[in-house]
């Protein structure tokens, strides 16, 4: 029973650590990120956009 309590505590600490990083860290990372265009490298649009068929 004790190992289950330790595991629950570990998972709870992990969850709140991730939540804290999402609330505090992500806005700063987004603010510091260089602006990217819609079709520039790193854009998910380039990955998911259909490729033109060769003629």
Protein backbone atom coordinates (compact mmCIF):
# COMPACT_ATOMS: atom_id res chain seq x y z
CA UNK A 1 0.00 0.00 0.00
CA UNK A 2 2.88 2.35 0.76
CA UNK A 3 4.39 2.04 -2.73
CA UNK A 4 1.06 3.06 -4.24
CA UNK A 5 1.03 6.21 -2.10
CA UNK A 6 4.58 7.04 -3.18
CA UNK A 7 3.63 6.46 -6.83
CA UNK A 8 0.57 8.70 -6.52
CA UNK A 9 2.67 11.41 -4.92
CA UNK A 10 5.23 11.14 -7.73
CA UNK A 11 2.57 11.37 -10.44
CA UNK A 12 0.93 14.33 -8.72
CA UNK A 13 4.26 16.15 -8.43
CA UNK A 14 4.99 15.40 -12.09
CA UNK A 15 1.58 16.72 -13.16
CA UNK A 16 1.88 19.96 -11.21
CA UNK A 17 5.46 20.43 -12.43
CA UNK A 18 4.27 20.16 -16.03
CA UNK A 19 1.33 22.44 -15.32
CA UNK A 20 3.63 25.06 -13.81
CA UNK A 21 5.96 24.93 -16.81
CA UNK A 22 3.01 25.27 -19.19
CA UNK A 23 1.55 28.26 -17.36
CA UNK A 24 4.81 30.08 -16.57
CA UNK A 25 7.34 28.93 -19.15
CA UNK A 26 5.43 28.62 -22.40
CA UNK A 27 4.27 32.24 -22.72
CA UNK A 28 7.89 33.38 -22.36
CA UNK A 29 9.08 30.84 -24.94
CA UNK A 30 6.40 31.99 -27.36
CA UNK A 31 7.26 35.65 -26.78
CA UNK A 32 10.98 35.02 -27.40
CA UNK A 33 10.45 32.89 -30.50
CA UNK A 34 11.36 34.50 -33.81
CA UNK A 35 8.39 35.18 -36.07
CA UNK A 36 7.83 32.51 -38.68
CA UNK A 37 5.91 32.61 -41.89
CA UNK A 38 3.19 30.21 -42.86
CA UNK A 39 5.26 28.36 -45.45
CA UNK A 40 8.76 28.78 -44.01
CA UNK A 41 10.84 25.89 -42.62
CA UNK A 42 9.46 24.56 -39.37
CA UNK A 43 5.86 25.31 -40.26
CA UNK A 44 3.45 22.37 -39.90
CA UNK A 45 1.61 23.62 -42.99
CA UNK A 46 4.53 22.52 -45.16
CA UNK A 47 4.36 19.06 -43.66
CA UNK A 48 0.60 18.56 -44.02
CA UNK A 49 0.01 20.45 -47.28
CA UNK A 50 -0.46 18.14 -50.25
CA UNK A 51 2.47 18.02 -52.63
CA UNK A 52 1.71 19.06 -56.22
CA UNK A 53 1.63 16.08 -58.55
CA UNK A 54 4.36 15.93 -61.20
CA UNK A 55 3.19 16.24 -64.78
